[in-house]
Amino acid sequence: MKKVKIYVTLRESVLDPQGAAVQGSLHKLGYSEVADVRIGKYMELLIDPDGRDPETAVKEMCEKLLTNTVIEDYRFEVEEAVAQ
């Protein structure tokens, strides 16, 4: 089994109104040192690649369903799952 950690963020060229709202709230709370906030998504998948290359499979999942590649960038890490 493999554990996959996927990080999705808006592309730098895309406005992030949620990030701007959080930045404004932080400034109101006195955290004026915060220069920028970008909000993203984090996903964890537990997969059994069953002979497939897990990196190829995760890339396909991200590009077909998990991200909007027009406005989002993604990166992922594949590691061995720890038995529980």
C-alpha atoms as a PDB file:
ATOM      1  CA  MET A   1       0.000   0.000   0.000  1.00  0.00           C
ATOM      2  CA  LYS A   2       1.086   3.528  -0.731  1.00  0.00           C
ATOM      3  CA  LYS A   3       0.113   6.738   1.004  1.00  0.00           C
ATOM      4  CA  VAL A   4      -0.189   9.709  -1.339  1.00  0.00           C
ATOM      5  CA  LYS A   5      -0.198  13.309  -0.121  1.00  0.00           C
ATOM      6  CA  ILE A   6      -1.556  15.765  -2.709  1.00  0.00           C
ATOM      7  CA  TYR A   7      -1.184  19.537  -2.397  1.00  0.00           C
ATOM      8  CA  VAL A   8      -3.322  21.736  -4.674  1.00  0.00           C
ATOM      9  CA  THR A   9      -2.927  25.511  -4.979  1.00  0.00           C
ATOM     10  CA  LEU A  10      -4.244  28.190  -7.270  1.00  0.00           C
ATOM     11  CA  ARG A  11      -1.789  29.250  -9.938  1.00  0.00           C
ATOM     12  CA  GLU A  12       0.081  32.454  -9.142  1.00  0.00           C
ATOM     13  CA  SER A  13      -1.696  34.231 -12.010  1.00  0.00           C
ATOM     14  CA  VAL A  14      -5.145  33.449 -10.526  1.00  0.00           C
ATOM     15  CA  LEU A  15      -6.665  35.805  -7.962  1.00  0.00           C
ATOM     16  CA  ASP A  16      -7.307  34.205  -4.569  1.00  0.00           C
ATOM     17  CA  PRO A  17     -10.225  36.065  -2.923  1.00  0.00           C
ATOM     18  CA  GLN A  18     -10.312  33.652   0.022  1.00  0.00           C
ATOM     19  CA  GLY A  19      -6.614  34.234   0.656  1.00  0.00           C
ATOM     20  CA  ALA A  20      -7.127  38.003   0.424  1.00  0.00           C
ATOM     21  CA  ALA A  21      -9.963  37.802   2.977  1.00  0.00           C
ATOM     22  CA  VAL A  22      -7.788  35.805   5.393  1.00  0.00           C
ATOM     23  CA  GLN A  23      -4.907  38.256   4.916  1.00  0.00           C
ATOM     24  CA  GLY A  24      -7.236  41.180   5.672  1.00  0.00           C
ATOM     25  CA  SER A  25      -8.487  39.465   8.821  1.00  0.00           C
ATOM     26  CA  LEU A  26      -4.947  38.747   9.975  1.00  0.00           C
ATOM     27  CA  HIS A  27      -4.043  42.414   9.472  1.00  0.00           C
ATOM     28  CA  LYS A  28      -7.091  43.447  11.534  1.00  0.00           C
ATOM     29  CA  LEU A  29      -5.883  41.139  14.294  1.00  0.00           C
ATOM     30  CA  GLY A  30      -2.531  42.917  14.322  1.00  0.00           C
ATOM     31  CA  TYR A  31      -0.487  40.557  12.139  1.00  0.00           C
ATOM     32  CA  SER A  32       0.626  43.205   9.671  1.00  0.00           C
ATOM     33  CA  GLU A  33       3.767  41.219   8.822  1.00  0.00           C
ATOM     34  CA  VAL A  34       1.668  38.836   6.666  1.00  0.00           C
ATOM     35  CA  ALA A  35       2.411  39.930   3.104  1.00  0.00           C
ATOM     36  CA  ASP A  36       0.292  37.387   1.208  1.00  0.00           C
ATOM     37  CA  VAL A  37      -2.009  34.420   1.821  1.00  0.00           C
ATOM     38  CA  ARG A  38      -2.825  31.681  -0.684  1.00  0.00           C
ATOM     39  CA  ILE A  39      -5.439  29.076   0.203  1.00  0.00           C
ATOM     40  CA  GLY A  40      -5.178  25.543  -1.151  1.00  0.00           C
ATOM     41  CA  LYS A  41      -6.355  21.978  -0.660  1.00  0.00           C
ATOM     42  CA  TYR A  42      -4.678  18.940   0.857  1.00  0.00           C
ATOM     43  CA  MET A  43      -5.706  15.345   0.151  1.00  0.00           C
ATOM     44  CA  GLU A  44      -4.441  11.979   1.333  1.00  0.00           C
ATOM     45  CA  LEU A  45      -5.063   8.808  -0.621  1.00  0.00           C
ATOM     46  CA  LEU A  46      -4.281   5.251   0.406  1.00  0.00           C
ATOM     47  CA  ILE A  47      -3.785   3.243  -2.767  1.00  0.00           C
ATOM     48  CA  ASP A  48      -2.767  -0.239  -3.775  1.00  0.00           C
ATOM     49  CA  PRO A  49      -1.158   0.325  -7.179  1.00  0.00           C
ATOM     50  CA  ASP A  50      -1.219  -3.446  -7.936  1.00  0.00           C
ATOM     51  CA  GLY A  51       1.656  -3.360 -10.403  1.00  0.00           C
ATOM     52  CA  ARG A  52       0.923   0.094 -11.834  1.00  0.00           C
ATOM     53  CA  ASP A  53       3.380   2.909 -11.381  1.00  0.00           C
ATOM     54  CA  PRO A  54       1.799   4.867  -8.495  1.00  0.00           C
ATOM     55  CA  GLU A  55       3.218   8.191  -9.714  1.00  0.00           C
ATOM     56  CA  THR A  56       1.596   7.755 -13.125  1.00  0.00           C
ATOM     57  CA  ALA A  57      -1.717   6.718 -11.557  1.00  0.00           C
ATOM     58  CA  VAL A  58      -1.789   9.707  -9.177  1.00  0.00           C
ATOM     59  CA  LYS A  59      -0.892  12.121 -11.974  1.00  0.00           C
ATOM     60  CA  GLU A  60      -3.815  10.782 -14.017  1.00  0.00           C
ATOM     61  CA  MET A  61      -6.165  11.109 -11.014  1.00  0.00           C
ATOM     62  CA  CYS A  62      -5.097  14.707 -10.448  1.00  0.00           C
ATOM     63  CA  GLU A  63      -5.462  15.712 -14.081  1.00  0.00           C
ATOM     64  CA  LYS A  64      -8.793  13.936 -14.635  1.00  0.00           C
ATOM     65  CA  LEU A  65     -10.644  14.636 -11.380  1.00  0.00           C
ATOM     66  CA  LEU A  66      -8.832  16.001  -8.341  1.00  0.00           C
ATOM     67  CA  THR A  67      -7.653  19.337  -9.753  1.00  0.00           C
ATOM     68  CA  ASN A  68      -8.712  21.959 -12.238  1.00  0.00           C
ATOM     69  CA  THR A  69      -5.493  22.189 -14.235  1.00  0.00           C
ATOM     70  CA  VAL A  70      -6.626  25.424 -15.906  1.00  0.00           C
ATOM     71  CA  ILE A  71      -6.385  27.385 -12.650  1.00  0.00           C
ATOM     72  CA  GLU A  72      -4.657  25.041 -10.182  1.00  0.00           C
ATOM     73  CA  ASP A  73      -1.196  23.573  -9.740  1.00  0.00           C
ATOM     74  CA  TYR A  74      -0.544  20.391  -7.815  1.00  0.00           C
ATOM     75  CA  ARG A  75       2.283  18.364  -6.392  1.00  0.00           C
ATOM     76  CA  PHE A  76       2.272  15.060  -4.602  1.00  0.00           C
ATOM     77  CA  GLU A  77       4.385  12.729  -2.517  1.00  0.00           C
ATOM     78  CA  VAL A  78       4.146   8.939  -2.586  1.00  0.00           C
ATOM     79  CA  GLU A  79       5.375   6.983   0.418  1.00  0.00           C
ATOM     80  CA  GLU A  80       4.961   3.539   1.907  1.00  0.00           C
ATOM     81  CA  ALA A  81       1.867   3.297   4.067  1.00  0.00           C
ATOM     82  CA  VAL A  82       2.522   2.443   7.697  1.00  0.00           C
ATOM     83  CA  ALA A  83       0.582  -0.610   8.841  1.00  0.00           C
ATOM     84  CA  GLN A  84      -1.736   0.078  11.737  1.00  0.00           C
END
